[in-house]
Protein backbone atom coordinates (compact mmCIF):
# COMPACT_ATOMS: atom_id res chain seq x y z
CA UNK A 1 -2.18 -16.26 23.23
CA UNK A 2 -3.14 -14.64 19.82
CA UNK A 3 -0.04 -14.71 17.26
CA UNK A 4 -0.21 -11.19 16.14
CA UNK A 5 2.51 -9.88 13.72
CA UNK A 6 3.60 -6.39 13.04
CA UNK A 7 3.24 -5.88 9.01
CA UNK A 8 4.85 -3.08 7.56
CA UNK A 9 3.73 -2.18 3.98
CA UNK A 10 6.52 -0.84 1.76
CA UNK A 11 6.54 0.84 -1.95
CA UNK A 12 9.74 2.00 -3.23
CA UNK A 13 12.00 1.76 0.02
CA UNK A 14 8.74 4.16 1.86
CA UNK A 15 6.80 2.79 4.31
CA UNK A 16 3.40 3.38 3.91
CA UNK A 17 2.12 1.84 6.77
CA UNK A 18 2.36 -0.45 9.94
CA UNK A 19 -0.28 -2.66 11.02
CA UNK A 20 -0.85 -5.41 13.84
CA UNK A 21 -2.13 -8.28 12.22
CA UNK A 22 -3.40 -11.93 12.78
CA UNK A 23 -3.20 -12.89 8.92
CA UNK A 24 -0.26 -11.88 6.75
CA UNK A 25 -1.25 -11.14 2.97
CA UNK A 26 0.21 -13.40 0.51
CA UNK A 27 2.10 -12.66 -2.55
CA UNK A 28 -0.22 -11.53 -5.48
CA UNK A 29 -3.05 -10.71 -3.40
CA UNK A 30 -4.87 -7.41 -3.62
CA UNK A 31 -4.48 -4.85 -1.13
CA UNK A 32 -6.25 -1.44 -0.55
CA UNK A 33 -4.21 1.08 1.60
CA UNK A 34 -5.11 4.35 2.59
CA UNK A 35 -8.06 4.17 -0.34
CA UNK A 36 -5.52 3.34 -2.87
CA UNK A 37 -5.89 -0.01 -4.69
CA UNK A 38 -2.35 -2.26 -4.90
CA UNK A 39 -0.92 -5.71 -5.23
CA UNK A 40 1.40 -7.41 -3.05
CA UNK A 41 5.17 -8.28 -5.28
CA UNK A 42 6.78 -9.54 -2.13
CA UNK A 43 6.84 -10.82 1.31
CA UNK A 44 9.94 -10.99 3.75
CA UNK A 45 9.64 -12.36 7.00
CA UNK A 46 12.10 -10.54 9.27
CA UNK A 47 11.91 -12.70 12.65
CA UNK A 48 8.58 -14.34 14.02
CA UNK A 49 6.80 -10.62 15.18
CA UNK A 50 7.93 -8.56 11.71
CA UNK A 51 6.80 -8.85 8.01
CA UNK A 52 7.65 -6.45 5.35
CA UNK A 53 5.17 -6.60 2.61
CA UNK A 54 6.39 -5.05 -0.70
CA UNK A 55 3.21 -3.43 -2.75
CA UNK A 56 2.89 -1.71 -5.68
CA UNK A 57 -0.09 0.90 -5.81
CA UNK A 58 -2.02 1.95 -8.77
CA UNK A 59 -1.02 5.46 -9.97
CA UNK A 60 -3.67 7.94 -9.13
CA UNK A 61 -4.55 9.87 -12.42
CA UNK A 62 -5.69 13.59 -11.62
CA UNK A 63 -8.05 15.09 -13.60
CA UNK A 64 -7.29 18.70 -14.51
CA UNK A 65 -10.30 20.61 -15.79
CA UNK A 66 -9.78 21.94 -19.13
CA UNK A 67 -9.90 25.91 -19.10
CA UNK A 68 -11.84 27.98 -21.20
CA UNK A 69 -9.39 30.72 -23.08
CA UNK A 70 -12.38 33.21 -22.90
CA UNK A 71 -12.97 33.27 -19.24
CA UNK A 72 -10.44 35.31 -17.02
CA UNK A 73 -10.40 35.73 -13.54
């Protein structure tokens, strides 16, 4: 039978994603979760079916438009 593992992706003790995978990501590998790029920091095997993967996602900088003081609504 298939060796499927439940992978829990965690950042700052917040669970971002649960995924049923055949391959577990390794430490230092790049991942993309919910459209955000990140890097695997630590991999903990809880039991034969569950793995916790701690990730650090890039901080998304929000672009604030420059307001023209002459324009008022």
